[in-house]
Amino acid sequence: MIEIQMILTVIAAFLAAGLTLMTGFGLGTILLPVFLLFYDVKVAILIVAVVHLSNNLLRLSLFKENLNLEILKRFGMLTLVGAFIGAYLQGSISSAAVKVILGIALIFLGLKEVLPFAEQMRLPKKIDFIGGFLSGLLGGFVGNQGAIRSAYLLNYNIPKETFIVTAAVIASIVDITRIPIYVFYNREILANNIMLILITTASAFTGTIIGKRVVSKFSHKAFKLYVAGAIVVIGALLALRII
């Protein structure tokens, strides 16, 4: 039974890493439910968090030459601030209605990318700090920061490699702030599952490396449509309160 668990989680990590490389989000969303089928919730959350961070650091190393520090400064840092506040508010305010509203907003943001006049609907750069803060705030509140972050990053109309590495850096910053807390309170869980973490991480790495080869074959337009489609799917799942 343990071997079957290991095989299924390794396969899930490989597929999730490859499929979500371009979207900039979704690895944790896919992996966590799979791990929860076989492991205690604390074990699942810790392992997925470590795999998530490790994989984002790999993405950073693979695409580091495409990193746009200006976008990171204008948008990324305030995303982190908003995420902290959103996570704090999550414990005191019901998020059900917010998820529905946010889901509808994500559907709109995703669909607008396929409209013929999408270029005329770009948000001005001067409000980047507001967009960064709000995306982090809402993401921290409802627990889907990646989809909101990617929806806003599409607004920049940047090269696909820059999109991927920017999303990876911001996600890594968030992970680095939360994982030490998980580890501090769950040191024994980490020690008992180190082999599973290493194997799952290696599988995710393989999926990401193969995914990079696929990315190079996508045109800019096809890449944006892929990301926009993923955002619409997440938006629909939120609006229907499935996630």
C-alpha atoms as a PDB file:
ATOM      1  CA  MET A   1       0.000   0.000   0.000  1.00  0.00           C
ATOM      2  CA  ILE A   2       2.828   2.361   0.879  1.00  0.00           C
ATOM      3  CA  GLU A   3       4.481   1.696  -2.478  1.00  0.00           C
ATOM      4  CA  ILE A   4       1.232   2.517  -4.309  1.00  0.00           C
ATOM      5  CA  GLN A   5       0.931   5.775  -2.349  1.00  0.00           C
ATOM      6  CA  MET A   6       4.474   6.686  -3.263  1.00  0.00           C
ATOM      7  CA  ILE A   7       4.002   5.882  -6.943  1.00  0.00           C
ATOM      8  CA  LEU A   8       0.769   7.862  -7.240  1.00  0.00           C
ATOM      9  CA  THR A   9       2.141  10.934  -5.476  1.00  0.00           C
ATOM     10  CA  VAL A  10       5.314  10.846  -7.577  1.00  0.00           C
ATOM     11  CA  ILE A  11       3.275  10.657 -10.789  1.00  0.00           C
ATOM     12  CA  ALA A  12       1.026  13.485  -9.580  1.00  0.00           C
ATOM     13  CA  ALA A  13       4.050  15.678  -8.816  1.00  0.00           C
ATOM     14  CA  PHE A  14       5.540  15.033 -12.256  1.00  0.00           C
ATOM     15  CA  LEU A  15       2.342  15.832 -14.143  1.00  0.00           C
ATOM     16  CA  ALA A  16       1.399  18.822 -11.987  1.00  0.00           C
ATOM     17  CA  ALA A  17       4.838  20.428 -12.312  1.00  0.00           C
ATOM     18  CA  GLY A  18       4.842  20.046 -16.078  1.00  0.00           C
ATOM     19  CA  LEU A  19       1.285  21.270 -16.587  1.00  0.00           C
ATOM     20  CA  THR A  20       1.560  24.272 -14.266  1.00  0.00           C
ATOM     21  CA  LEU A  21       4.957  25.575 -15.380  1.00  0.00           C
ATOM     22  CA  MET A  22       3.368  27.991 -17.835  1.00  0.00           C
ATOM     23  CA  THR A  23       0.417  29.082 -15.718  1.00  0.00           C
ATOM     24  CA  GLY A  24       2.531  30.319 -12.819  1.00  0.00           C
ATOM     25  CA  PHE A  25       0.143  28.663 -10.369  1.00  0.00           C
ATOM     26  CA  GLY A  26      -1.671  25.430  -9.632  1.00  0.00           C
ATOM     27  CA  LEU A  27       1.037  23.047  -8.398  1.00  0.00           C
ATOM     28  CA  GLY A  28      -0.180  23.142  -4.810  1.00  0.00           C
ATOM     29  CA  THR A  29      -3.830  23.176  -5.898  1.00  0.00           C
ATOM     30  CA  ILE A  30      -3.328  19.891  -7.758  1.00  0.00           C
ATOM     31  CA  LEU A  31      -0.930  18.169  -5.347  1.00  0.00           C
ATOM     32  CA  LEU A  32      -2.606  18.858  -2.010  1.00  0.00           C
ATOM     33  CA  PRO A  33      -5.847  16.937  -2.726  1.00  0.00           C
ATOM     34  CA  VAL A  34      -3.778  13.975  -3.977  1.00  0.00           C
ATOM     35  CA  PHE A  35      -1.627  13.917  -0.835  1.00  0.00           C
ATOM     36  CA  LEU A  36      -4.685  14.262   1.380  1.00  0.00           C
ATOM     37  CA  LEU A  37      -5.944  10.964  -0.026  1.00  0.00           C
ATOM     38  CA  PHE A  38      -3.025   9.124   1.566  1.00  0.00           C
ATOM     39  CA  TYR A  39      -1.542  11.268   4.335  1.00  0.00           C
ATOM     40  CA  ASP A  40      -2.532  13.219   7.423  1.00  0.00           C
ATOM     41  CA  VAL A  41      -3.372  16.854   6.683  1.00  0.00           C
ATOM     42  CA  LYS A  42      -0.273  18.198   8.481  1.00  0.00           C
ATOM     43  CA  VAL A  43       1.978  15.818   6.575  1.00  0.00           C
ATOM     44  CA  ALA A  44       0.330  16.723   3.268  1.00  0.00           C
ATOM     45  CA  ILE A  45       0.562  20.488   3.797  1.00  0.00           C
ATOM     46  CA  LEU A  46       4.216  20.373   4.849  1.00  0.00           C
ATOM     47  CA  ILE A  47       5.343  18.107   2.006  1.00  0.00           C
ATOM     48  CA  VAL A  48       3.442  20.056  -0.656  1.00  0.00           C
ATOM     49  CA  ALA A  49       4.835  23.340   0.683  1.00  0.00           C
ATOM     50  CA  VAL A  50       8.427  22.066   0.487  1.00  0.00           C
ATOM     51  CA  VAL A  51       7.918  20.638  -3.015  1.00  0.00           C
ATOM     52  CA  HIS A  52       6.239  23.894  -4.074  1.00  0.00           C
ATOM     53  CA  LEU A  53       9.161  26.028  -2.886  1.00  0.00           C
ATOM     54  CA  SER A  54      11.803  23.708  -4.324  1.00  0.00           C
ATOM     55  CA  ASN A  55      10.088  23.662  -7.691  1.00  0.00           C
ATOM     56  CA  ASN A  56       9.741  27.446  -7.803  1.00  0.00           C
ATOM     57  CA  LEU A  57      13.441  27.826  -7.021  1.00  0.00           C
ATOM     58  CA  LEU A  58      14.172  25.475  -9.923  1.00  0.00           C
ATOM     59  CA  ARG A  59      11.992  27.620 -12.189  1.00  0.00           C
ATOM     60  CA  LEU A  60      13.960  30.650 -11.054  1.00  0.00           C
ATOM     61  CA  SER A  61      17.258  28.967 -11.924  1.00  0.00           C
ATOM     62  CA  LEU A  62      15.953  27.867 -15.337  1.00  0.00           C
ATOM     63  CA  PHE A  63      14.611  31.278 -16.346  1.00  0.00           C
ATOM     64  CA  LYS A  64      16.702  33.671 -14.216  1.00  0.00           C
ATOM     65  CA  GLU A  65      18.042  35.571 -17.227  1.00  0.00           C
ATOM     66  CA  ASN A  66      14.463  36.641 -18.026  1.00  0.00           C
ATOM     67  CA  LEU A  67      13.683  38.117 -14.601  1.00  0.00           C
ATOM     68  CA  ASN A  68      12.296  41.664 -14.769  1.00  0.00           C
ATOM     69  CA  LEU A  69      13.266  43.350 -11.506  1.00  0.00           C
ATOM     70  CA  GLU A  70      11.199  46.423 -12.294  1.00  0.00           C
ATOM     71  CA  ILE A  71       7.980  44.418 -12.387  1.00  0.00           C
ATOM     72  CA  LEU A  72       9.033  42.570  -9.256  1.00  0.00           C
ATOM     73  CA  LYS A  73       9.554  45.845  -7.405  1.00  0.00           C
ATOM     74  CA  ARG A  74       6.358  47.506  -8.612  1.00  0.00           C
ATOM     75  CA  PHE A  75       4.082  44.535  -8.177  1.00  0.00           C
ATOM     76  CA  GLY A  76       5.692  41.682  -6.274  1.00  0.00           C
ATOM     77  CA  MET A  77       6.648  43.220  -2.950  1.00  0.00           C
ATOM     78  CA  LEU A  78       3.211  44.652  -2.233  1.00  0.00           C
ATOM     79  CA  THR A  79       1.697  41.300  -3.162  1.00  0.00           C
ATOM     80  CA  LEU A  80       3.542  39.841  -0.176  1.00  0.00           C
ATOM     81  CA  VAL A  81       2.251  42.561   2.160  1.00  0.00           C
ATOM     82  CA  GLY A  82      -1.300  42.017   0.951  1.00  0.00           C
ATOM     83  CA  ALA A  83      -0.958  38.247   1.372  1.00  0.00           C
ATOM     84  CA  PHE A  84      -0.001  38.613   5.034  1.00  0.00           C
ATOM     85  CA  ILE A  85      -2.977  40.863   5.746  1.00  0.00           C
ATOM     86  CA  GLY A  86      -5.311  38.599   3.782  1.00  0.00           C
ATOM     87  CA  ALA A  87      -4.140  35.514   5.658  1.00  0.00           C
ATOM     88  CA  TYR A  88      -4.724  37.330   8.958  1.00  0.00           C
ATOM     89  CA  LEU A  89      -8.251  38.387   7.951  1.00  0.00           C
ATOM     90  CA  GLN A  90      -9.068  34.871   6.823  1.00  0.00           C
ATOM     91  CA  GLY A  91      -9.479  33.727  10.386  1.00  0.00           C
ATOM     92  CA  SER A  92     -12.021  36.402  11.305  1.00  0.00           C
ATOM     93  CA  ILE A  93     -14.135  36.898   8.156  1.00  0.00           C
ATOM     94  CA  SER A  94     -16.134  34.364   6.149  1.00  0.00           C
ATOM     95  CA  SER A  95     -14.533  33.886   2.760  1.00  0.00           C
ATOM     96  CA  ALA A  96     -17.453  32.126   1.020  1.00  0.00           C
ATOM     97  CA  ALA A  97     -18.938  35.235  -0.611  1.00  0.00           C
ATOM     98  CA  VAL A  98     -15.495  36.613  -1.430  1.00  0.00           C
ATOM     99  CA  LYS A  99     -14.599  33.382  -3.242  1.00  0.00           C
ATOM    100  CA  VAL A 100     -17.670  33.665  -5.462  1.00  0.00           C
ATOM    101  CA  ILE A 101     -16.954  37.311  -6.293  1.00  0.00           C
ATOM    102  CA  LEU A 102     -13.290  36.575  -6.877  1.00  0.00           C
ATOM    103  CA  GLY A 103     -14.169  33.596  -9.062  1.00  0.00           C
ATOM    104  CA  ILE A 104     -16.342  35.785 -11.287  1.00  0.00           C
ATOM    105  CA  ALA A 105     -13.553  38.376 -11.467  1.00  0.00           C
ATOM    106  CA  LEU A 106     -11.023  35.720 -12.507  1.00  0.00           C
ATOM    107  CA  ILE A 107     -13.365  34.453 -15.214  1.00  0.00           C
ATOM    108  CA  PHE A 108     -13.617  37.998 -16.572  1.00  0.00           C
ATOM    109  CA  LEU A 109      -9.861  38.589 -16.376  1.00  0.00           C
ATOM    110  CA  GLY A 110      -9.166  35.323 -18.158  1.00  0.00           C
ATOM    111  CA  LEU A 111     -11.762  35.836 -20.876  1.00  0.00           C
ATOM    112  CA  LYS A 112     -10.688  39.406 -21.589  1.00  0.00           C
ATOM    113  CA  GLU A 113      -7.352  38.084 -22.835  1.00  0.00           C
ATOM    114  CA  VAL A 114      -9.070  36.410 -25.784  1.00  0.00           C
ATOM    115  CA  LEU A 115     -11.114  39.454 -26.786  1.00  0.00           C
ATOM    116  CA  PRO A 116     -10.005  41.276 -29.957  1.00  0.00           C
ATOM    117  CA  PHE A 117      -9.690  44.555 -28.048  1.00  0.00           C
ATOM    118  CA  ALA A 118      -7.719  43.084 -25.121  1.00  0.00           C
ATOM    119  CA  GLU A 119      -4.808  45.478 -25.701  1.00  0.00           C
ATOM    120  CA  GLN A 120      -7.109  48.434 -25.061  1.00  0.00           C
ATOM    121  CA  MET A 121      -8.130  46.946 -21.703  1.00  0.00           C
ATOM    122  CA  ARG A 122      -4.670  46.943 -20.114  1.00  0.00           C
ATOM    123  CA  LEU A 123      -4.444  48.425 -16.630  1.00  0.00           C
ATOM    124  CA  PRO A 124      -2.026  51.385 -16.405  1.00  0.00           C
ATOM    125  CA  LYS A 125       1.347  50.713 -14.779  1.00  0.00           C
ATOM    126  CA  LYS A 126       0.843  53.578 -12.345  1.00  0.00           C
ATOM    127  CA  ILE A 127      -1.653  51.466 -10.384  1.00  0.00           C
ATOM    128  CA  ASP A 128       0.660  48.449 -10.161  1.00  0.00           C
ATOM    129  CA  PHE A 129       1.134  48.955  -6.435  1.00  0.00           C
ATOM    130  CA  ILE A 130      -2.641  48.777  -5.957  1.00  0.00           C
ATOM    131  CA  GLY A 131      -2.909  45.686  -8.146  1.00  0.00           C
ATOM    132  CA  GLY A 132      -0.063  44.007  -6.302  1.00  0.00           C
ATOM    133  CA  PHE A 133      -1.522  44.707  -2.891  1.00  0.00           C
ATOM    134  CA  LEU A 134      -5.068  43.686  -3.815  1.00  0.00           C
ATOM    135  CA  SER A 135      -3.982  40.484  -5.549  1.00  0.00           C
ATOM    136  CA  GLY A 136      -1.989  39.504  -2.463  1.00  0.00           C
ATOM    137  CA  LEU A 137      -4.799  40.531  -0.106  1.00  0.00           C
ATOM    138  CA  LEU A 138      -7.469  38.548  -1.927  1.00  0.00           C
ATOM    139  CA  GLY A 139      -5.116  35.650  -2.533  1.00  0.00           C
ATOM    140  CA  GLY A 140      -4.158  35.424   1.121  1.00  0.00           C
ATOM    141  CA  PHE A 141      -7.798  35.689   2.104  1.00  0.00           C
ATOM    142  CA  VAL A 142      -9.190  32.922  -0.094  1.00  0.00           C
ATOM    143  CA  GLY A 143      -6.008  30.868  -0.470  1.00  0.00           C
ATOM    144  CA  ASN A 144      -5.533  31.118  -4.241  1.00  0.00           C
ATOM    145  CA  GLN A 145      -2.801  33.708  -4.622  1.00  0.00           C
ATOM    146  CA  GLY A 146      -1.304  32.126  -7.721  1.00  0.00           C
ATOM    147  CA  ALA A 147      -4.338  32.506  -9.971  1.00  0.00           C
ATOM    148  CA  ILE A 148      -4.859  36.140  -8.990  1.00  0.00           C
ATOM    149  CA  ARG A 149      -1.169  36.910  -9.426  1.00  0.00           C
ATOM    150  CA  SER A 150      -1.096  35.323 -12.878  1.00  0.00           C
ATOM    151  CA  ALA A 151      -4.252  37.162 -13.930  1.00  0.00           C
ATOM    152  CA  TYR A 152      -2.598  40.471 -13.112  1.00  0.00           C
ATOM    153  CA  LEU A 153       0.757  39.524 -14.637  1.00  0.00           C
ATOM    154  CA  LEU A 154      -1.012  38.862 -17.944  1.00  0.00           C
ATOM    155  CA  ASN A 155      -1.794  42.571 -17.927  1.00  0.00           C
ATOM    156  CA  TYR A 156       1.895  43.320 -18.529  1.00  0.00           C
ATOM    157  CA  ASN A 157       1.926  41.482 -21.864  1.00  0.00           C
ATOM    158  CA  ILE A 158       5.461  40.285 -21.074  1.00  0.00           C
ATOM    159  CA  PRO A 159       7.434  37.407 -22.655  1.00  0.00           C
ATOM    160  CA  LYS A 160       6.390  33.972 -21.415  1.00  0.00           C
ATOM    161  CA  GLU A 161       9.776  33.326 -19.791  1.00  0.00           C
ATOM    162  CA  THR A 162       9.546  36.597 -17.834  1.00  0.00           C
ATOM    163  CA  PHE A 163       6.014  35.703 -16.775  1.00  0.00           C
ATOM    164  CA  ILE A 164       7.114  32.294 -15.470  1.00  0.00           C
ATOM    165  CA  VAL A 165      10.153  33.498 -13.531  1.00  0.00           C
ATOM    166  CA  THR A 166       8.365  36.525 -12.024  1.00  0.00           C
ATOM    167  CA  ALA A 167       5.544  34.325 -10.745  1.00  0.00           C
ATOM    168  CA  ALA A 168       8.114  31.846  -9.393  1.00  0.00           C
ATOM    169  CA  VAL A 169      10.031  34.511  -7.464  1.00  0.00           C
ATOM    170  CA  ILE A 170       6.915  35.963  -5.844  1.00  0.00           C
ATOM    171  CA  ALA A 171       5.642  32.493  -4.928  1.00  0.00           C
ATOM    172  CA  SER A 172       9.058  31.593  -3.484  1.00  0.00           C
ATOM    173  CA  ILE A 173       9.061  34.662  -1.253  1.00  0.00           C
ATOM    174  CA  VAL A 174       5.668  33.665   0.138  1.00  0.00           C
ATOM    175  CA  ASP A 175       6.842  30.063   0.651  1.00  0.00           C
ATOM    176  CA  ILE A 176      10.049  31.120   2.396  1.00  0.00           C
ATOM    177  CA  THR A 177       8.038  33.085   4.938  1.00  0.00           C
ATOM    178  CA  ARG A 178       5.627  30.268   5.763  1.00  0.00           C
ATOM    179  CA  ILE A 179       7.656  27.054   5.554  1.00  0.00           C
ATOM    180  CA  PRO A 180       9.932  27.791   8.567  1.00  0.00           C
ATOM    181  CA  ILE A 181       6.776  28.083  10.670  1.00  0.00           C
ATOM    182  CA  TYR A 182       5.490  24.735   9.391  1.00  0.00           C
ATOM    183  CA  VAL A 183       8.866  23.105  10.049  1.00  0.00           C
ATOM    184  CA  PHE A 184       9.198  24.579  13.545  1.00  0.00           C
ATOM    185  CA  TYR A 185       5.915  23.044  14.650  1.00  0.00           C
ATOM    186  CA  ASN A 186       6.272  19.823  12.657  1.00  0.00           C
ATOM    187  CA  ARG A 187       9.950  18.874  12.873  1.00  0.00           C
ATOM    188  CA  GLU A 188       9.149  15.226  13.535  1.00  0.00           C
ATOM    189  CA  ILE A 189       6.872  15.030  10.488  1.00  0.00           C
ATOM    190  CA  LEU A 190       9.649  16.454   8.328  1.00  0.00           C
ATOM    191  CA  ALA A 191      12.205  13.967   9.659  1.00  0.00           C
ATOM    192  CA  ASN A 192       9.883  10.996   9.184  1.00  0.00           C
ATOM    193  CA  ASN A 193       9.025  11.891   5.591  1.00  0.00           C
ATOM    194  CA  ILE A 194      12.332  13.170   4.226  1.00  0.00           C
ATOM    195  CA  MET A 195      12.604  10.364   1.638  1.00  0.00           C
ATOM    196  CA  LEU A 196       9.081  11.029   0.348  1.00  0.00           C
ATOM    197  CA  ILE A 197       9.866  14.736   0.080  1.00  0.00           C
ATOM    198  CA  LEU A 198      13.086  14.096  -1.848  1.00  0.00           C
ATOM    199  CA  ILE A 199      11.490  11.657  -4.287  1.00  0.00           C
ATOM    200  CA  THR A 200       8.437  13.856  -4.864  1.00  0.00           C
ATOM    201  CA  THR A 201      10.620  16.923  -5.370  1.00  0.00           C
ATOM    202  CA  ALA A 202      12.801  15.063  -7.868  1.00  0.00           C
ATOM    203  CA  SER A 203       9.692  14.009  -9.771  1.00  0.00           C
ATOM    204  CA  ALA A 204       8.411  17.595  -9.856  1.00  0.00           C
ATOM    205  CA  PHE A 205      11.832  18.766 -11.061  1.00  0.00           C
ATOM    206  CA  THR A 206      11.675  16.290 -13.934  1.00  0.00           C
ATOM    207  CA  GLY A 207       8.226  17.537 -14.907  1.00  0.00           C
ATOM    208  CA  THR A 208       9.413  21.149 -14.831  1.00  0.00           C
ATOM    209  CA  ILE A 209      12.520  20.479 -16.928  1.00  0.00           C
ATOM    210  CA  ILE A 210      10.455  18.689 -19.558  1.00  0.00           C
ATOM    211  CA  GLY A 211       7.875  21.469 -19.330  1.00  0.00           C
ATOM    212  CA  LYS A 212      10.543  24.036 -20.173  1.00  0.00           C
ATOM    213  CA  ARG A 213      11.134  22.318 -23.497  1.00  0.00           C
ATOM    214  CA  VAL A 214       7.420  22.519 -24.221  1.00  0.00           C
ATOM    215  CA  VAL A 215       7.302  26.233 -23.331  1.00  0.00           C
ATOM    216  CA  SER A 216       9.830  27.055 -26.038  1.00  0.00           C
ATOM    217  CA  LYS A 217       7.460  25.614 -28.642  1.00  0.00           C
ATOM    218  CA  PHE A 218       4.536  27.839 -27.625  1.00  0.00           C
ATOM    219  CA  SER A 219       3.979  31.149 -29.386  1.00  0.00           C
ATOM    220  CA  HIS A 220       3.341  34.183 -27.185  1.00  0.00           C
ATOM    221  CA  LYS A 221      -0.333  34.151 -28.156  1.00  0.00           C
ATOM    222  CA  ALA A 222      -0.748  30.434 -27.471  1.00  0.00           C
ATOM    223  CA  PHE A 223       0.987  30.856 -24.111  1.00  0.00           C
ATOM    224  CA  LYS A 224      -1.392  33.642 -23.076  1.00  0.00           C
ATOM    225  CA  LEU A 225      -4.410  31.596 -24.133  1.00  0.00           C
ATOM    226  CA  TYR A 226      -3.166  28.636 -22.063  1.00  0.00           C
ATOM    227  CA  VAL A 227      -2.724  30.800 -18.960  1.00  0.00           C
ATOM    228  CA  ALA A 228      -6.019  32.618 -19.527  1.00  0.00           C
ATOM    229  CA  GLY A 229      -7.815  29.278 -19.865  1.00  0.00           C
ATOM    230  CA  ALA A 230      -6.338  28.035 -16.579  1.00  0.00           C
ATOM    231  CA  ILE A 231      -7.418  31.265 -14.857  1.00  0.00           C
ATOM    232  CA  VAL A 232     -10.983  30.859 -16.152  1.00  0.00           C
ATOM    233  CA  VAL A 233     -11.080  27.263 -14.860  1.00  0.00           C
ATOM    234  CA  ILE A 234      -9.904  28.297 -11.378  1.00  0.00           C
ATOM    235  CA  GLY A 235     -12.371  31.194 -11.436  1.00  0.00           C
ATOM    236  CA  ALA A 236     -15.234  28.854 -12.273  1.00  0.00           C
ATOM    237  CA  LEU A 237     -14.237  26.420  -9.505  1.00  0.00           C
ATOM    238  CA  LEU A 238     -14.156  29.299  -7.014  1.00  0.00           C
ATOM    239  CA  ALA A 239     -17.460  30.762  -8.201  1.00  0.00           C
ATOM    240  CA  LEU A 240     -19.125  27.351  -7.915  1.00  0.00           C
ATOM    241  CA  ARG A 241     -17.500  26.908  -4.479  1.00  0.00           C
ATOM    242  CA  ILE A 242     -15.846  23.659  -5.496  1.00  0.00           C
ATOM    243  CA  ILE A 243     -12.508  24.857  -4.110  1.00  0.00           C
END
